[in-house]
Each structure stands twice: as C-alpha cells, then as structure tokens.
N, C-alpha and C. Protein backbone atom coordinates (compact mmCIF):
# COMPACT_ATOMS: atom_id res chain seq x y z
N MET A 1 1.79 -37.50 -31.00
CA MET A 1 2.04 -36.09 -31.16
C MET A 1 0.82 -35.29 -30.71
N LYS A 2 1.06 -34.28 -29.84
CA LYS A 2 -0.02 -33.49 -29.30
C LYS A 2 -0.44 -32.42 -30.29
N SER A 3 -1.71 -32.12 -30.28
CA SER A 3 -2.20 -31.07 -31.18
C SER A 3 -1.87 -29.69 -30.59
N ILE A 4 -2.04 -28.67 -31.41
CA ILE A 4 -1.80 -27.30 -30.96
C ILE A 4 -2.76 -26.95 -29.83
N ILE A 5 -3.99 -27.39 -29.92
CA ILE A 5 -4.99 -27.10 -28.88
C ILE A 5 -4.55 -27.70 -27.56
N ASP A 6 -4.08 -28.96 -27.57
CA ASP A 6 -3.62 -29.60 -26.34
C ASP A 6 -2.46 -28.81 -25.72
N GLN A 7 -1.53 -28.36 -26.56
CA GLN A 7 -0.39 -27.62 -26.06
C GLN A 7 -0.81 -26.26 -25.50
N SER A 8 -1.83 -25.63 -26.08
CA SER A 8 -2.27 -24.33 -25.60
C SER A 8 -3.03 -24.46 -24.28
N ASP A 9 -3.51 -25.64 -23.96
CA ASP A 9 -4.22 -25.86 -22.70
C ASP A 9 -3.26 -26.04 -21.52
N ARG A 10 -1.98 -26.27 -21.79
CA ARG A 10 -1.02 -26.44 -20.70
C ARG A 10 -0.97 -25.26 -19.74
N PRO A 11 -0.86 -24.02 -20.24
CA PRO A 11 -0.85 -22.89 -19.31
C PRO A 11 -2.15 -22.78 -18.50
N LEU A 12 -3.26 -23.10 -19.13
CA LEU A 12 -4.54 -23.07 -18.44
C LEU A 12 -4.58 -24.12 -17.34
N SER A 13 -4.12 -25.31 -17.66
CA SER A 13 -4.08 -26.39 -16.68
C SER A 13 -3.13 -26.05 -15.53
N LEU A 14 -1.99 -25.48 -15.87
CA LEU A 14 -1.02 -25.06 -14.85
C LEU A 14 -1.62 -23.98 -13.97
N SER A 15 -2.32 -23.03 -14.57
CA SER A 15 -2.96 -21.95 -13.81
C SER A 15 -3.98 -22.51 -12.84
N ARG A 16 -4.78 -23.44 -13.32
CA ARG A 16 -5.81 -24.05 -12.46
C ARG A 16 -5.18 -24.77 -11.29
N THR A 17 -4.12 -25.53 -11.55
CA THR A 17 -3.42 -26.25 -10.48
C THR A 17 -2.79 -25.29 -9.49
N LEU A 18 -2.12 -24.27 -10.00
CA LEU A 18 -1.47 -23.28 -9.14
C LEU A 18 -2.49 -22.54 -8.28
N LEU A 19 -3.62 -22.17 -8.85
CA LEU A 19 -4.64 -21.47 -8.07
C LEU A 19 -5.22 -22.36 -6.98
N ARG A 20 -5.43 -23.63 -7.27
CA ARG A 20 -5.93 -24.55 -6.23
C ARG A 20 -4.93 -24.67 -5.09
N ILE A 21 -3.65 -24.72 -5.41
CA ILE A 21 -2.60 -24.77 -4.38
C ILE A 21 -2.60 -23.47 -3.58
N LEU A 22 -2.70 -22.33 -4.27
CA LEU A 22 -2.69 -21.04 -3.59
C LEU A 22 -3.88 -20.88 -2.65
N VAL A 23 -5.05 -21.39 -3.03
CA VAL A 23 -6.22 -21.33 -2.15
C VAL A 23 -5.91 -22.05 -0.84
N LYS A 24 -5.33 -23.24 -0.96
CA LYS A 24 -5.02 -24.03 0.25
C LYS A 24 -3.91 -23.38 1.07
N LEU A 25 -2.86 -22.93 0.42
CA LEU A 25 -1.76 -22.27 1.14
C LEU A 25 -2.23 -21.00 1.83
N ASN A 26 -3.10 -20.27 1.19
CA ASN A 26 -3.63 -19.04 1.78
C ASN A 26 -4.40 -19.34 3.06
N ILE A 27 -5.18 -20.41 3.07
CA ILE A 27 -5.92 -20.81 4.27
C ILE A 27 -4.95 -21.18 5.38
N VAL A 28 -3.92 -21.94 5.04
CA VAL A 28 -2.90 -22.31 6.03
C VAL A 28 -2.20 -21.06 6.58
N PHE A 29 -1.86 -20.15 5.68
CA PHE A 29 -1.20 -18.90 6.06
C PHE A 29 -2.08 -18.11 7.02
N GLY A 30 -3.36 -17.96 6.70
CA GLY A 30 -4.29 -17.23 7.58
C GLY A 30 -4.42 -17.89 8.94
N ALA A 31 -4.52 -19.22 8.95
CA ALA A 31 -4.62 -19.94 10.22
C ALA A 31 -3.35 -19.76 11.05
N ALA A 32 -2.20 -19.76 10.40
CA ALA A 32 -0.93 -19.59 11.11
C ALA A 32 -0.84 -18.19 11.72
N ILE A 33 -1.25 -17.17 10.98
CA ILE A 33 -1.23 -15.81 11.52
C ILE A 33 -2.19 -15.71 12.70
N PHE A 34 -3.37 -16.31 12.56
CA PHE A 34 -4.34 -16.28 13.65
C PHE A 34 -3.78 -16.97 14.90
N ALA A 35 -3.16 -18.12 14.70
CA ALA A 35 -2.55 -18.84 15.84
C ALA A 35 -1.46 -18.00 16.48
N LEU A 36 -0.67 -17.33 15.68
CA LEU A 36 0.39 -16.46 16.20
C LEU A 36 -0.21 -15.30 16.99
N LEU A 37 -1.28 -14.72 16.48
CA LEU A 37 -1.94 -13.62 17.19
C LEU A 37 -2.46 -14.09 18.54
N VAL A 38 -3.13 -15.22 18.56
CA VAL A 38 -3.64 -15.78 19.81
C VAL A 38 -2.49 -16.05 20.78
N ALA A 39 -1.40 -16.60 20.26
CA ALA A 39 -0.24 -16.90 21.10
C ALA A 39 0.34 -15.64 21.73
N THR A 40 0.25 -14.49 21.05
CA THR A 40 0.78 -13.25 21.64
C THR A 40 -0.02 -12.81 22.85
N PHE A 41 -1.27 -13.24 22.95
CA PHE A 41 -2.07 -12.90 24.12
C PHE A 41 -1.89 -13.92 25.23
N ILE A 42 -1.59 -15.16 24.86
CA ILE A 42 -1.41 -16.21 25.87
C ILE A 42 -0.04 -16.12 26.52
N SER A 43 0.98 -15.94 25.70
CA SER A 43 2.36 -15.91 26.20
C SER A 43 3.16 -14.87 25.43
N ALA A 44 2.85 -13.61 25.69
CA ALA A 44 3.39 -12.51 24.90
C ALA A 44 4.92 -12.48 24.88
N GLY A 45 5.56 -12.54 26.04
CA GLY A 45 7.02 -12.40 26.11
C GLY A 45 7.76 -13.38 25.21
N PRO A 46 7.56 -14.68 25.40
CA PRO A 46 8.29 -15.65 24.58
C PRO A 46 7.96 -15.54 23.09
N VAL A 47 6.70 -15.27 22.75
CA VAL A 47 6.32 -15.19 21.34
C VAL A 47 6.98 -13.98 20.69
N PHE A 48 6.93 -12.83 21.35
CA PHE A 48 7.54 -11.64 20.77
C PHE A 48 9.06 -11.78 20.69
N ARG A 49 9.66 -12.42 21.69
CA ARG A 49 11.11 -12.67 21.62
C ARG A 49 11.43 -13.57 20.42
N ALA A 50 10.61 -14.58 20.20
CA ALA A 50 10.83 -15.48 19.06
C ALA A 50 10.69 -14.72 17.74
N LEU A 51 9.89 -13.67 17.73
CA LEU A 51 9.72 -12.85 16.53
C LEU A 51 10.80 -11.77 16.42
N GLY A 52 11.68 -11.74 17.41
CA GLY A 52 12.79 -10.78 17.36
C GLY A 52 12.50 -9.47 18.05
N ALA A 53 11.39 -9.39 18.77
CA ALA A 53 11.05 -8.17 19.50
C ALA A 53 11.31 -8.41 20.98
N ILE A 54 12.29 -7.73 21.49
CA ILE A 54 12.65 -7.90 22.90
C ILE A 54 11.68 -7.08 23.75
N PRO A 55 10.97 -7.74 24.68
CA PRO A 55 10.06 -7.00 25.55
C PRO A 55 10.83 -5.97 26.40
N THR A 56 10.40 -4.73 26.33
CA THR A 56 10.98 -3.64 27.13
C THR A 56 9.84 -2.87 27.77
N PRO A 57 10.15 -2.07 28.79
CA PRO A 57 9.08 -1.30 29.43
C PRO A 57 8.33 -0.38 28.46
N ASP A 58 9.01 0.13 27.44
CA ASP A 58 8.35 1.00 26.48
C ASP A 58 7.97 0.27 25.18
N GLY A 59 7.91 -1.05 25.24
CA GLY A 59 7.66 -1.85 24.04
C GLY A 59 6.20 -2.06 23.72
N ASP A 60 5.28 -1.44 24.48
CA ASP A 60 3.85 -1.65 24.22
C ASP A 60 3.45 -1.21 22.81
N GLY A 61 4.02 -0.12 22.34
CA GLY A 61 3.71 0.36 20.99
C GLY A 61 4.13 -0.64 19.94
N LEU A 62 5.29 -1.24 20.14
CA LEU A 62 5.78 -2.25 19.19
C LEU A 62 4.85 -3.46 19.19
N PHE A 63 4.46 -3.93 20.38
CA PHE A 63 3.59 -5.10 20.45
C PHE A 63 2.21 -4.80 19.87
N PHE A 64 1.71 -3.60 20.12
CA PHE A 64 0.43 -3.20 19.54
C PHE A 64 0.51 -3.20 18.02
N ALA A 65 1.58 -2.63 17.49
CA ALA A 65 1.75 -2.58 16.02
C ALA A 65 1.89 -3.99 15.45
N MET A 66 2.64 -4.84 16.12
CA MET A 66 2.81 -6.20 15.62
C MET A 66 1.48 -6.94 15.60
N ARG A 67 0.69 -6.77 16.65
CA ARG A 67 -0.63 -7.41 16.67
C ARG A 67 -1.53 -6.82 15.59
N GLY A 68 -1.46 -5.51 15.40
CA GLY A 68 -2.25 -4.86 14.36
C GLY A 68 -1.89 -5.39 12.98
N ILE A 69 -0.60 -5.59 12.75
CA ILE A 69 -0.16 -6.14 11.47
C ILE A 69 -0.66 -7.57 11.30
N MET A 70 -0.71 -8.33 12.39
CA MET A 70 -1.25 -9.69 12.31
C MET A 70 -2.73 -9.66 11.96
N VAL A 71 -3.48 -8.74 12.55
CA VAL A 71 -4.91 -8.62 12.24
C VAL A 71 -5.10 -8.26 10.76
N ILE A 72 -4.28 -7.33 10.28
CA ILE A 72 -4.35 -6.98 8.85
C ILE A 72 -3.99 -8.20 8.00
N GLY A 73 -3.01 -8.98 8.44
CA GLY A 73 -2.63 -10.19 7.71
C GLY A 73 -3.77 -11.19 7.63
N ILE A 74 -4.52 -11.34 8.72
CA ILE A 74 -5.67 -12.25 8.73
C ILE A 74 -6.73 -11.74 7.74
N ALA A 75 -7.00 -10.43 7.79
CA ALA A 75 -7.97 -9.85 6.85
C ALA A 75 -7.49 -10.02 5.42
N ALA A 76 -6.19 -9.85 5.20
CA ALA A 76 -5.64 -9.98 3.85
C ALA A 76 -5.78 -11.41 3.33
N THR A 77 -5.68 -12.39 4.20
CA THR A 77 -5.86 -13.77 3.72
C THR A 77 -7.32 -14.00 3.31
N ALA A 78 -8.26 -13.38 4.01
CA ALA A 78 -9.67 -13.50 3.61
C ALA A 78 -9.89 -12.85 2.25
N VAL A 79 -9.30 -11.68 2.05
CA VAL A 79 -9.43 -10.99 0.77
C VAL A 79 -8.71 -11.79 -0.32
N GLY A 80 -7.54 -12.31 0.01
CA GLY A 80 -6.80 -13.14 -0.94
C GLY A 80 -7.60 -14.36 -1.35
N HIS A 81 -8.34 -14.93 -0.40
CA HIS A 81 -9.19 -16.08 -0.71
C HIS A 81 -10.23 -15.71 -1.77
N LEU A 82 -10.81 -14.53 -1.63
CA LEU A 82 -11.77 -14.06 -2.64
C LEU A 82 -11.11 -13.98 -4.01
N VAL A 83 -9.91 -13.40 -4.05
CA VAL A 83 -9.20 -13.25 -5.33
C VAL A 83 -8.91 -14.61 -5.94
N TYR A 84 -8.32 -15.51 -5.17
CA TYR A 84 -7.93 -16.82 -5.71
C TYR A 84 -9.13 -17.63 -6.18
N THR A 85 -10.20 -17.65 -5.38
CA THR A 85 -11.35 -18.48 -5.76
C THR A 85 -12.10 -17.89 -6.96
N ARG A 86 -12.19 -16.56 -7.04
CA ARG A 86 -12.86 -15.94 -8.19
C ARG A 86 -12.03 -16.12 -9.45
N LEU A 87 -10.72 -15.99 -9.32
CA LEU A 87 -9.85 -16.20 -10.48
C LEU A 87 -9.92 -17.66 -10.94
N LEU A 88 -9.97 -18.57 -10.01
CA LEU A 88 -10.11 -19.99 -10.35
C LEU A 88 -11.43 -20.23 -11.09
N ALA A 89 -12.49 -19.59 -10.63
CA ALA A 89 -13.79 -19.74 -11.31
C ALA A 89 -13.72 -19.19 -12.74
N ILE A 90 -13.01 -18.08 -12.93
CA ILE A 90 -12.84 -17.54 -14.29
C ILE A 90 -12.06 -18.51 -15.15
N VAL A 91 -10.99 -19.07 -14.60
CA VAL A 91 -10.18 -20.04 -15.35
C VAL A 91 -11.03 -21.25 -15.73
N GLU A 92 -11.92 -21.67 -14.85
CA GLU A 92 -12.80 -22.81 -15.15
C GLU A 92 -13.73 -22.49 -16.33
N THR A 93 -14.22 -21.24 -16.40
CA THR A 93 -15.08 -20.89 -17.54
C THR A 93 -14.29 -20.87 -18.84
N VAL A 94 -13.02 -20.47 -18.76
CA VAL A 94 -12.15 -20.53 -19.95
C VAL A 94 -11.98 -21.98 -20.36
N ASN A 95 -11.75 -22.84 -19.39
CA ASN A 95 -11.58 -24.27 -19.66
C ASN A 95 -12.84 -24.86 -20.29
N ASP A 96 -14.00 -24.37 -19.85
CA ASP A 96 -15.27 -24.85 -20.41
C ASP A 96 -15.56 -24.26 -21.78
N GLY A 97 -14.76 -23.26 -22.20
CA GLY A 97 -14.92 -22.66 -23.51
C GLY A 97 -15.91 -21.50 -23.56
N ASP A 98 -16.30 -20.97 -22.39
CA ASP A 98 -17.29 -19.90 -22.37
C ASP A 98 -16.91 -18.83 -21.34
N PRO A 99 -15.83 -18.08 -21.59
CA PRO A 99 -15.39 -17.11 -20.58
C PRO A 99 -16.18 -15.79 -20.57
N PHE A 100 -16.80 -15.43 -21.70
CA PHE A 100 -17.49 -14.14 -21.75
C PHE A 100 -18.92 -14.27 -21.25
N VAL A 101 -19.02 -14.46 -19.94
CA VAL A 101 -20.31 -14.53 -19.27
C VAL A 101 -20.37 -13.42 -18.24
N GLY A 102 -21.57 -12.98 -17.94
CA GLY A 102 -21.75 -11.87 -17.01
C GLY A 102 -21.15 -12.12 -15.64
N THR A 103 -21.16 -13.36 -15.19
CA THR A 103 -20.61 -13.64 -13.86
C THR A 103 -19.11 -13.39 -13.81
N ASN A 104 -18.42 -13.56 -14.94
CA ASN A 104 -16.99 -13.28 -14.96
C ASN A 104 -16.72 -11.78 -14.83
N ALA A 105 -17.60 -10.97 -15.39
CA ALA A 105 -17.46 -9.52 -15.22
C ALA A 105 -17.61 -9.16 -13.74
N ILE A 106 -18.57 -9.78 -13.08
CA ILE A 106 -18.77 -9.54 -11.64
C ILE A 106 -17.56 -10.04 -10.86
N ARG A 107 -17.05 -11.21 -11.24
CA ARG A 107 -15.86 -11.75 -10.57
C ARG A 107 -14.66 -10.84 -10.73
N LEU A 108 -14.44 -10.34 -11.93
CA LEU A 108 -13.31 -9.43 -12.17
C LEU A 108 -13.46 -8.14 -11.38
N GLN A 109 -14.67 -7.65 -11.29
CA GLN A 109 -14.88 -6.43 -10.51
C GLN A 109 -14.61 -6.69 -9.03
N LEU A 110 -15.03 -7.84 -8.52
CA LEU A 110 -14.74 -8.19 -7.13
C LEU A 110 -13.22 -8.34 -6.91
N ILE A 111 -12.54 -8.93 -7.88
CA ILE A 111 -11.08 -9.05 -7.79
C ILE A 111 -10.45 -7.66 -7.76
N ALA A 112 -10.94 -6.75 -8.58
CA ALA A 112 -10.40 -5.38 -8.60
C ALA A 112 -10.59 -4.71 -7.24
N TRP A 113 -11.79 -4.80 -6.67
CA TRP A 113 -12.02 -4.22 -5.34
C TRP A 113 -11.14 -4.90 -4.29
N SER A 114 -10.94 -6.20 -4.44
CA SER A 114 -10.11 -6.94 -3.48
C SER A 114 -8.65 -6.49 -3.56
N VAL A 115 -8.14 -6.31 -4.77
CA VAL A 115 -6.76 -5.85 -4.93
C VAL A 115 -6.62 -4.43 -4.37
N LEU A 116 -7.64 -3.62 -4.56
CA LEU A 116 -7.64 -2.28 -3.97
C LEU A 116 -7.58 -2.39 -2.44
N ALA A 117 -8.39 -3.27 -1.87
CA ALA A 117 -8.38 -3.47 -0.42
C ALA A 117 -7.01 -3.95 0.06
N LEU A 118 -6.40 -4.87 -0.69
CA LEU A 118 -5.08 -5.37 -0.31
C LEU A 118 -4.03 -4.26 -0.34
N GLU A 119 -4.12 -3.39 -1.31
CA GLU A 119 -3.17 -2.28 -1.40
C GLU A 119 -3.37 -1.30 -0.25
N LEU A 120 -4.62 -1.06 0.13
CA LEU A 120 -4.89 -0.21 1.29
C LEU A 120 -4.40 -0.86 2.58
N MET A 121 -4.55 -2.18 2.68
CA MET A 121 -4.03 -2.91 3.85
C MET A 121 -2.51 -2.80 3.91
N ARG A 122 -1.87 -2.88 2.77
CA ARG A 122 -0.41 -2.72 2.72
C ARG A 122 -0.02 -1.35 3.27
N GLY A 123 -0.78 -0.33 2.88
CA GLY A 123 -0.54 1.01 3.41
C GLY A 123 -0.75 1.05 4.92
N GLY A 124 -1.75 0.33 5.41
CA GLY A 124 -1.98 0.25 6.85
C GLY A 124 -0.83 -0.40 7.60
N VAL A 125 -0.28 -1.46 7.02
CA VAL A 125 0.88 -2.12 7.63
C VAL A 125 2.06 -1.16 7.70
N ILE A 126 2.29 -0.45 6.62
CA ILE A 126 3.41 0.50 6.57
C ILE A 126 3.21 1.59 7.61
N MET A 127 2.00 2.13 7.70
CA MET A 127 1.74 3.18 8.69
C MET A 127 1.91 2.66 10.11
N LEU A 128 1.38 1.47 10.38
CA LEU A 128 1.53 0.89 11.72
C LEU A 128 3.00 0.70 12.07
N ALA A 129 3.73 0.11 11.17
CA ALA A 129 5.14 -0.17 11.44
C ALA A 129 5.95 1.11 11.59
N ASN A 130 5.64 2.10 10.79
CA ASN A 130 6.42 3.34 10.83
C ASN A 130 6.09 4.23 12.02
N THR A 131 5.05 3.89 12.80
CA THR A 131 4.75 4.66 14.00
C THR A 131 5.52 4.17 15.21
N VAL A 132 6.21 3.05 15.07
CA VAL A 132 6.87 2.40 16.20
C VAL A 132 8.31 2.91 16.36
N THR A 133 8.66 3.09 17.61
CA THR A 133 10.04 3.42 17.96
C THR A 133 10.52 2.36 18.93
N VAL A 134 11.67 1.78 18.65
CA VAL A 134 12.28 0.79 19.53
C VAL A 134 13.54 1.43 20.11
N GLY A 135 13.50 1.71 21.39
CA GLY A 135 14.60 2.45 22.00
C GLY A 135 14.61 3.85 21.41
N THR A 136 15.68 4.19 20.75
CA THR A 136 15.76 5.50 20.08
C THR A 136 15.62 5.36 18.57
N GLU A 137 15.46 4.13 18.10
CA GLU A 137 15.38 3.86 16.65
C GLU A 137 13.93 3.82 16.19
N LYS A 138 13.63 4.58 15.17
CA LYS A 138 12.31 4.53 14.55
C LYS A 138 12.29 3.37 13.55
N VAL A 139 11.24 2.56 13.62
CA VAL A 139 11.10 1.43 12.71
C VAL A 139 10.72 1.96 11.33
N ASP A 140 11.41 1.48 10.32
CA ASP A 140 11.11 1.87 8.94
C ASP A 140 11.15 0.62 8.08
N ILE A 141 9.98 0.18 7.62
CA ILE A 141 9.94 -1.02 6.78
C ILE A 141 9.93 -0.67 5.31
N GLY A 142 10.19 0.58 5.02
CA GLY A 142 10.20 0.98 3.60
C GLY A 142 8.80 1.27 3.15
N GLY A 143 8.38 0.58 2.14
CA GLY A 143 7.02 0.78 1.64
C GLY A 143 6.89 1.99 0.76
N LYS A 144 7.78 2.11 -0.16
CA LYS A 144 7.72 3.22 -1.11
C LYS A 144 6.49 3.07 -2.01
N PHE A 145 6.02 4.19 -2.50
CA PHE A 145 4.87 4.18 -3.41
C PHE A 145 5.27 3.53 -4.73
N SER A 146 4.39 2.68 -5.23
CA SER A 146 4.58 2.07 -6.54
C SER A 146 3.31 2.25 -7.35
N VAL A 147 3.47 2.61 -8.58
CA VAL A 147 2.31 2.82 -9.46
C VAL A 147 1.74 1.48 -9.95
N THR A 148 2.53 0.42 -9.91
CA THR A 148 2.12 -0.87 -10.47
C THR A 148 0.82 -1.41 -9.87
N PRO A 149 0.68 -1.46 -8.54
CA PRO A 149 -0.60 -1.99 -8.02
C PRO A 149 -1.80 -1.15 -8.44
N TRP A 150 -1.61 0.15 -8.52
CA TRP A 150 -2.72 1.03 -8.89
C TRP A 150 -3.09 0.85 -10.36
N LEU A 151 -2.10 0.62 -11.21
CA LEU A 151 -2.39 0.33 -12.62
C LEU A 151 -3.09 -1.02 -12.75
N THR A 152 -2.69 -1.97 -11.92
CA THR A 152 -3.32 -3.29 -11.93
C THR A 152 -4.79 -3.17 -11.55
N ILE A 153 -5.06 -2.38 -10.53
CA ILE A 153 -6.45 -2.18 -10.09
C ILE A 153 -7.26 -1.55 -11.22
N LEU A 154 -6.71 -0.51 -11.83
CA LEU A 154 -7.38 0.14 -12.95
C LEU A 154 -7.63 -0.85 -14.10
N LEU A 155 -6.62 -1.63 -14.43
CA LEU A 155 -6.75 -2.63 -15.49
C LEU A 155 -7.85 -3.64 -15.17
N LEU A 156 -7.92 -4.08 -13.92
CA LEU A 156 -8.96 -5.05 -13.54
C LEU A 156 -10.36 -4.46 -13.67
N PHE A 157 -10.53 -3.20 -13.27
CA PHE A 157 -11.84 -2.57 -13.45
C PHE A 157 -12.20 -2.44 -14.92
N VAL A 158 -11.22 -2.09 -15.75
CA VAL A 158 -11.47 -1.97 -17.19
C VAL A 158 -11.81 -3.34 -17.78
N LEU A 159 -11.05 -4.36 -17.41
CA LEU A 159 -11.34 -5.72 -17.92
C LEU A 159 -12.71 -6.20 -17.47
N ALA A 160 -13.11 -5.86 -16.26
CA ALA A 160 -14.45 -6.23 -15.79
C ALA A 160 -15.50 -5.61 -16.70
N ARG A 161 -15.27 -4.36 -17.08
CA ARG A 161 -16.21 -3.68 -17.98
C ARG A 161 -16.20 -4.31 -19.37
N VAL A 162 -15.01 -4.69 -19.84
CA VAL A 162 -14.89 -5.36 -21.15
C VAL A 162 -15.66 -6.68 -21.12
N PHE A 163 -15.49 -7.46 -20.06
CA PHE A 163 -16.23 -8.73 -19.95
C PHE A 163 -17.72 -8.49 -19.89
N ASP A 164 -18.14 -7.45 -19.18
CA ASP A 164 -19.56 -7.14 -19.09
C ASP A 164 -20.11 -6.80 -20.46
N GLN A 165 -19.42 -5.93 -21.19
CA GLN A 165 -19.86 -5.55 -22.53
C GLN A 165 -19.83 -6.74 -23.48
N GLY A 166 -18.78 -7.55 -23.39
CA GLY A 166 -18.67 -8.73 -24.25
C GLY A 166 -19.80 -9.72 -24.01
N SER A 167 -20.15 -9.93 -22.76
CA SER A 167 -21.24 -10.88 -22.47
C SER A 167 -22.59 -10.32 -22.92
N ARG A 168 -22.78 -9.00 -22.78
CA ARG A 168 -24.03 -8.39 -23.26
C ARG A 168 -24.14 -8.49 -24.78
N MET A 169 -23.04 -8.20 -25.48
CA MET A 169 -23.04 -8.28 -26.94
C MET A 169 -23.33 -9.71 -27.40
N ARG A 170 -22.71 -10.68 -26.72
CA ARG A 170 -22.94 -12.08 -27.07
C ARG A 170 -24.39 -12.47 -26.84
N ASP A 171 -24.96 -12.01 -25.71
CA ASP A 171 -26.37 -12.32 -25.41
C ASP A 171 -27.30 -11.67 -26.44
N GLU A 172 -26.99 -10.44 -26.83
CA GLU A 172 -27.81 -9.75 -27.85
C GLU A 172 -27.72 -10.49 -29.19
N LEU A 173 -26.52 -10.93 -29.54
CA LEU A 173 -26.33 -11.66 -30.79
C LEU A 173 -27.09 -12.98 -30.77
N ALA A 174 -27.04 -13.67 -29.64
CA ALA A 174 -27.74 -14.94 -29.52
C ALA A 174 -29.25 -14.73 -29.60
N ALA A 175 -29.74 -13.59 -29.11
CA ALA A 175 -31.17 -13.32 -29.15
C ALA A 175 -31.66 -12.98 -30.54
N THR A 176 -30.77 -12.44 -31.37
CA THR A 176 -31.18 -12.07 -32.74
C THR A 176 -31.08 -13.21 -33.72
N VAL A 177 -30.35 -14.25 -33.38
CA VAL A 177 -30.16 -15.36 -34.32
C VAL A 177 -31.26 -16.36 -34.19
C-alpha cells in the first residue's frame, strides 16, 4: 500500500516526464520549421504548393507572410525552450523539497517575460496573415483578443514576486535561528 506522500508525488513525476518530452518535441518542432523555411528558398513552388499555397504572379505577399510566420515559429520554439527548461528546473526543486529559492523567482520572472513574448509573437503572426490577399480574398486567420494569456502573464509576474519574497523571508529566518 502506497503512502499519501507517494501518491502526491505522482502529479510531480508526471509533470517532470511531460516537461522532458515537451523539451524534446519543441526542439524537433523548431528544426522542422527551420527545414521548411530553408526548403521554401531552395524549391519555393513545390513547397508552397504542398502547404496549400498556389504560386501566382501576385503571390509574393503570401509567400513573404508564410516565411515570416515560419521565422516567428522558429523564434517561438526558442522562447518555448526557455519556458519548458525553466519550468522543469522549478519542478526539480519541488521534487528536492526546496522550491522557495531565489533562483525560482528568477525562473518564474523569465517564464513570465517569455509568455509575454509568445503572446506578442502570436499577434505578429495574426498581423502578417491578415495583411495577405489571395486573389480577391483577404486572408483571415481569426486571432480574436483573449484576456486569458494576459492574466497568465500577470499571474506569473506576481508568483515570481511571491517566490522572491518567500525565499528572502526563509533566508532571514534561517539567519536568525
């Protein structure tokens, strides 16, 4: 029979495993986008046709936007890598039994800035896509405003401050004992 502590470690163990998988998948995803971008310069016509974009005399704007979105995707995988690896490091400190350390506050703040960057990149993708016209049709990928990512960013900054204060209080307490 497993103890309560062992059972409570299951979500932590699952999180650690999932984050390790996400780190690897993110690298594969970034490499795939990079390869696709390079392929658009080597053999633009067939690659864009495979992506569903029919090359036309006025299709330069579409191809430019598609390449721009690929560049943003590559940058987003780099930012995603920061998020996944920092979150994994935080999970490891929880596993070690010492999560309220100053480095976790720094990690959370970096994650908050990274999520902000990802949200701005999402806006860039929407703007790029919405500037394209194919024939007489304007491309619209949606991209409605959502308050959720912005609340998440705010929450991450607040949690970073909470971790910072918690680690300082713990250090002060340890110094007085």
